[in-house]
Amino acid sequence: MNIQEQFNAVAKEYDENRKKFIPCFEDYYVSTTDFAAKLLAKKPALVFDLGSGTGLLPSFWYPHFPDAEYVLSDIAEEMLAVAKKRFENVPNIKYEISDYSKKLPEGTPDLVLSALSIHHLEHEQKKSLFKMIYASLSEGGTFINYDQFCHETEDANRKTEEYWIKGIKDSGLSQKEYDRWLERKKLDRECTVAQEIAWLKEAGFKNAECIYLMGKFAVISVEK
């Protein structure tokens, strides 16, 4: 199955299992978002969430900026259907079924977010996307990527993978969901944090910082 088909297949169980796949879930999503929201150069009026899935990441950002307009973009319709239920009766959240690697939503956002999505792109696609995001952002706007990364050495990668897989197996995840995860994992095209920061700088971004790092999971913040 391609990425769209695989994520449509797991949409309903996605949020329930997310904590089992991310041992640092609370720090990664909650604490880092609370911190990042305080770092923004300006209060966002328009926010894009790329590869939004079930809308998990914007659910943590929305309380900080409830008056902003949000556009949740994803290629998987079933995932966005879950997001629509999450934000039912919230009028300032819109949904767009699209491939953000080819075209971003319309508008000039002050904040662009993404979580655990961009690592599925080939490296050249990442570079192209970062240039598109830079071009779309308002002056002083911010791009924050919560994603999955590899390490600089094979030894560090091996040890991190072993730690991660053991945690997933010990989490109580069903064998069916574990097997699905292994299939999705084949789609990963990870880079290192240093590589991504270099590509972001090449795209024109400044003040590039890794504001969170634990094992495979890191959050990078950059400004236009």
Protein backbone atom coordinates (compact mmCIF):
# COMPACT_ATOMS: atom_id res chain seq x y z
CA MET A 1 0.00 0.00 0.00
CA ASN A 2 1.09 3.60 -0.56
CA ILE A 3 1.23 6.21 2.24
CA GLN A 4 -2.34 7.40 1.68
CA GLU A 5 -3.77 3.85 1.82
CA GLN A 6 -1.75 2.86 4.88
CA PHE A 7 -2.76 5.88 6.94
CA ASN A 8 -6.41 5.62 5.92
CA ALA A 9 -6.34 2.03 7.19
CA VAL A 10 -5.17 3.01 10.68
CA ALA A 11 -7.01 6.32 11.11
CA LYS A 12 -9.43 5.28 13.87
CA GLU A 13 -6.75 3.63 16.03
CA TYR A 14 -4.11 6.25 15.29
CA ASP A 15 -4.49 8.51 18.33
CA GLU A 16 -5.08 5.61 20.70
CA ASN A 17 -1.79 4.01 19.69
CA ARG A 18 0.30 7.16 19.30
CA LYS A 19 1.51 7.12 22.92
CA LYS A 20 2.63 3.53 22.47
CA PHE A 21 4.84 4.50 19.54
CA ILE A 22 6.23 7.65 21.18
CA PRO A 23 7.68 6.98 24.64
CA CYS A 24 8.26 10.73 25.17
CA PHE A 25 4.73 11.70 24.07
CA GLU A 26 3.97 14.26 26.79
CA ASP A 27 7.27 16.10 26.43
CA TYR A 28 7.20 15.88 22.64
CA TYR A 29 3.67 17.15 22.06
CA VAL A 30 2.62 18.98 25.21
CA SER A 31 5.66 20.51 26.93
CA THR A 32 7.46 21.37 23.69
CA THR A 33 4.35 23.03 22.28
CA ASP A 34 3.90 25.07 25.45
CA PHE A 35 7.52 26.20 25.15
CA ALA A 36 7.44 26.82 21.39
CA ALA A 37 4.28 28.92 21.64
CA LYS A 38 6.15 31.33 23.93
CA LEU A 39 9.03 31.62 21.45
CA LEU A 40 6.98 32.86 18.50
CA ALA A 41 8.01 36.24 17.18
CA LYS A 42 4.36 37.20 16.67
CA LYS A 43 0.88 35.93 17.42
CA PRO A 44 -0.29 33.86 14.43
CA ALA A 45 -3.45 34.80 12.55
CA LEU A 46 -3.21 31.88 10.09
CA VAL A 47 -1.75 28.45 10.87
CA PHE A 48 -1.08 25.58 8.46
CA ASP A 49 -0.64 22.02 9.76
CA LEU A 50 0.94 19.86 7.07
CA GLY A 51 0.27 16.12 7.16
CA SER A 52 -2.20 16.84 9.94
CA GLY A 53 -3.67 13.34 10.10
CA THR A 54 -6.21 13.24 12.92
CA GLY A 55 -5.42 16.81 14.00
CA LEU A 56 -3.42 15.73 17.03
CA LEU A 57 -0.76 18.45 16.87
CA PRO A 58 -3.16 21.38 16.35
CA SER A 59 -5.19 20.12 19.31
CA PHE A 60 -2.22 21.17 21.47
CA TRP A 61 -1.65 24.46 19.65
CA TYR A 62 -5.28 25.57 19.51
CA PRO A 63 -5.56 26.46 23.24
CA HIS A 64 -2.62 28.86 22.83
CA PHE A 65 -4.13 30.64 19.82
CA PRO A 66 -7.87 29.93 19.73
CA ASP A 67 -8.61 32.99 17.57
CA ALA A 68 -6.29 31.99 14.71
CA GLU A 69 -7.51 30.42 11.49
CA TYR A 70 -6.22 26.86 11.02
CA VAL A 71 -5.87 24.84 7.82
CA LEU A 72 -5.31 21.11 8.35
CA SER A 73 -3.84 19.49 5.24
CA ASP A 74 -3.45 15.75 4.66
CA ILE A 75 -3.46 13.31 1.78
CA ALA A 76 -5.54 10.74 3.69
CA GLU A 77 -9.26 11.54 3.73
CA GLU A 78 -10.04 9.07 6.53
CA MET A 79 -7.48 10.71 8.80
CA LEU A 80 -8.99 14.14 8.26
CA ALA A 81 -12.42 12.67 8.97
CA VAL A 82 -11.15 11.92 12.48
CA ALA A 83 -9.80 15.48 12.75
CA LYS A 84 -13.22 16.85 11.80
CA LYS A 85 -14.79 14.90 14.66
CA ARG A 86 -12.09 16.16 17.04
CA PHE A 87 -12.82 19.79 16.16
CA GLU A 88 -16.55 19.45 15.59
CA ASN A 89 -18.31 22.82 15.82
CA VAL A 90 -15.01 24.74 15.76
CA PRO A 91 -15.57 27.21 12.90
CA ASN A 92 -12.03 28.55 12.50
CA ILE A 93 -10.55 25.19 11.47
CA LYS A 94 -10.62 24.17 7.81
CA TYR A 95 -9.58 20.93 6.14
CA GLU A 96 -7.82 20.28 2.86
CA ILE A 97 -7.25 16.87 1.26
CA SER A 98 -4.05 17.47 -0.65
CA ASP A 99 -0.41 16.50 -1.11
CA TYR A 100 1.44 19.34 0.61
CA SER A 101 4.74 18.25 -0.93
CA LYS A 102 3.38 19.47 -4.27
CA LYS A 103 1.22 22.41 -3.26
CA LEU A 104 0.62 24.23 0.01
CA PRO A 105 -2.78 25.56 1.07
CA GLU A 106 -3.72 29.03 -0.16
CA GLY A 107 -2.81 31.97 2.04
CA THR A 108 0.10 33.55 3.89
CA PRO A 109 0.49 31.77 7.23
CA ASP A 110 2.29 33.15 10.24
CA LEU A 111 2.92 29.64 11.58
CA VAL A 112 3.44 26.37 9.72
CA LEU A 113 3.41 23.13 11.71
CA SER A 114 4.03 19.51 10.88
CA ALA A 115 4.33 16.36 12.99
CA LEU A 116 5.75 12.97 12.00
CA SER A 117 5.03 13.45 8.32
CA ILE A 118 7.92 15.09 6.46
CA HIS A 119 10.25 12.17 7.19
CA HIS A 120 8.23 10.18 4.65
CA LEU A 121 9.48 12.43 1.84
CA GLU A 122 12.60 11.81 -0.19
CA HIS A 123 15.41 14.20 0.69
CA GLU A 124 15.01 16.27 -2.49
CA GLN A 125 11.30 16.59 -1.75
CA LYS A 126 12.13 17.84 1.74
CA LYS A 127 14.41 20.53 0.30
CA SER A 128 11.74 21.61 -2.18
CA LEU A 129 9.09 21.69 0.54
CA PHE A 130 11.21 23.86 2.82
CA LYS A 131 11.59 26.41 0.01
CA MET A 132 7.80 26.41 -0.54
CA ILE A 133 7.14 26.90 3.16
CA TYR A 134 9.63 29.77 3.32
CA ALA A 135 7.98 31.45 0.34
CA SER A 136 4.50 31.05 1.82
CA LEU A 137 5.24 32.38 5.32
CA SER A 138 4.69 35.96 6.36
CA GLU A 139 7.73 37.99 7.37
CA GLY A 140 8.70 36.95 10.88
CA GLY A 141 6.68 33.76 10.52
CA THR A 142 7.75 30.47 12.06
CA PHE A 143 7.96 26.87 10.83
CA ILE A 144 8.09 24.12 13.45
CA ASN A 145 8.66 20.49 12.50
CA TYR A 146 8.04 17.72 15.04
CA ASP A 147 9.58 14.72 13.34
CA GLN A 148 11.51 11.47 13.39
CA PHE A 149 15.23 11.50 12.64
CA CYS A 150 18.19 9.18 12.28
CA HIS A 151 21.54 9.64 14.01
CA GLU A 152 24.95 10.46 12.61
CA THR A 153 26.39 6.96 13.15
CA GLU A 154 25.16 3.44 12.49
CA ASP A 155 25.94 2.42 16.07
CA ALA A 156 23.78 5.20 17.51
CA ASN A 157 21.01 4.32 15.06
CA ARG A 158 21.09 0.65 16.00
CA LYS A 159 20.96 1.33 19.75
CA THR A 160 18.17 3.87 19.38
CA GLU A 161 16.12 1.52 17.19
CA GLU A 162 16.56 -1.31 19.70
CA TYR A 163 15.44 0.95 22.58
CA TRP A 164 12.46 2.22 20.57
CA ILE A 165 11.28 -1.21 19.40
CA LYS A 166 11.56 -2.69 22.90
CA GLY A 167 9.42 0.14 24.26
CA ILE A 168 6.78 -0.43 21.57
CA LYS A 169 6.67 -4.17 22.23
CA ASP A 170 6.37 -3.57 25.98
CA SER A 171 3.55 -1.03 25.52
CA GLY A 172 0.80 -3.59 25.04
CA LEU A 173 0.41 -2.86 21.33
CA SER A 174 -1.35 -5.67 19.50
CA GLN A 175 0.61 -7.84 17.07
CA LYS A 176 -1.65 -6.63 14.26
CA GLU A 177 -0.81 -2.98 14.96
CA TYR A 178 2.87 -3.81 15.40
CA ASP A 179 2.94 -5.49 11.99
CA ARG A 180 1.17 -2.49 10.45
CA TRP A 181 3.76 -0.21 12.01
CA LEU A 182 6.59 -2.26 10.52
CA GLU A 183 4.98 -1.84 7.08
CA ARG A 184 4.62 1.92 7.55
CA LYS A 185 8.21 2.09 8.78
CA LYS A 186 9.39 0.94 5.36
CA LEU A 187 8.18 4.29 4.03
CA ASP A 188 10.50 6.28 6.33
CA ARG A 189 13.16 8.44 4.66
CA GLU A 190 14.86 9.89 7.72
CA CYS A 191 17.61 12.47 7.76
CA THR A 192 19.65 13.74 10.70
CA VAL A 193 18.71 16.85 12.65
CA ALA A 194 21.88 18.53 11.38
CA GLN A 195 20.99 17.73 7.75
CA GLU A 196 17.52 19.18 8.11
CA ILE A 197 18.75 22.35 9.77
CA ALA A 198 21.27 22.80 6.94
CA TRP A 199 18.52 22.39 4.31
CA LEU A 200 16.28 24.85 6.16
CA LYS A 201 19.07 27.43 6.19
CA GLU A 202 19.63 26.84 2.46
CA ALA A 203 15.93 27.60 1.94
CA GLY A 204 16.46 30.98 3.61
CA PHE A 205 15.36 30.35 7.19
CA LYS A 206 17.13 31.91 10.16
CA ASN A 207 17.29 31.23 13.92
CA ALA A 208 17.25 27.48 13.31
CA GLU A 209 17.08 25.61 16.61
CA CYS A 210 16.46 22.05 17.72
CA ILE A 211 14.23 22.79 20.71
CA TYR A 212 13.62 19.16 21.68
CA LEU A 213 15.47 15.87 21.16
CA MET A 214 14.86 12.43 22.62
CA GLY A 215 15.94 9.30 20.77
CA LYS A 216 14.32 9.33 17.33
CA PHE A 217 12.14 12.35 18.06
CA ALA A 218 13.12 15.99 17.64
CA VAL A 219 11.43 19.36 17.16
CA ILE A 220 13.06 21.99 14.95
CA SER A 221 11.97 25.63 14.92
CA VAL A 222 13.01 28.19 12.28
CA GLU A 223 11.96 31.73 11.36
CA LYS A 224 11.59 33.68 8.15
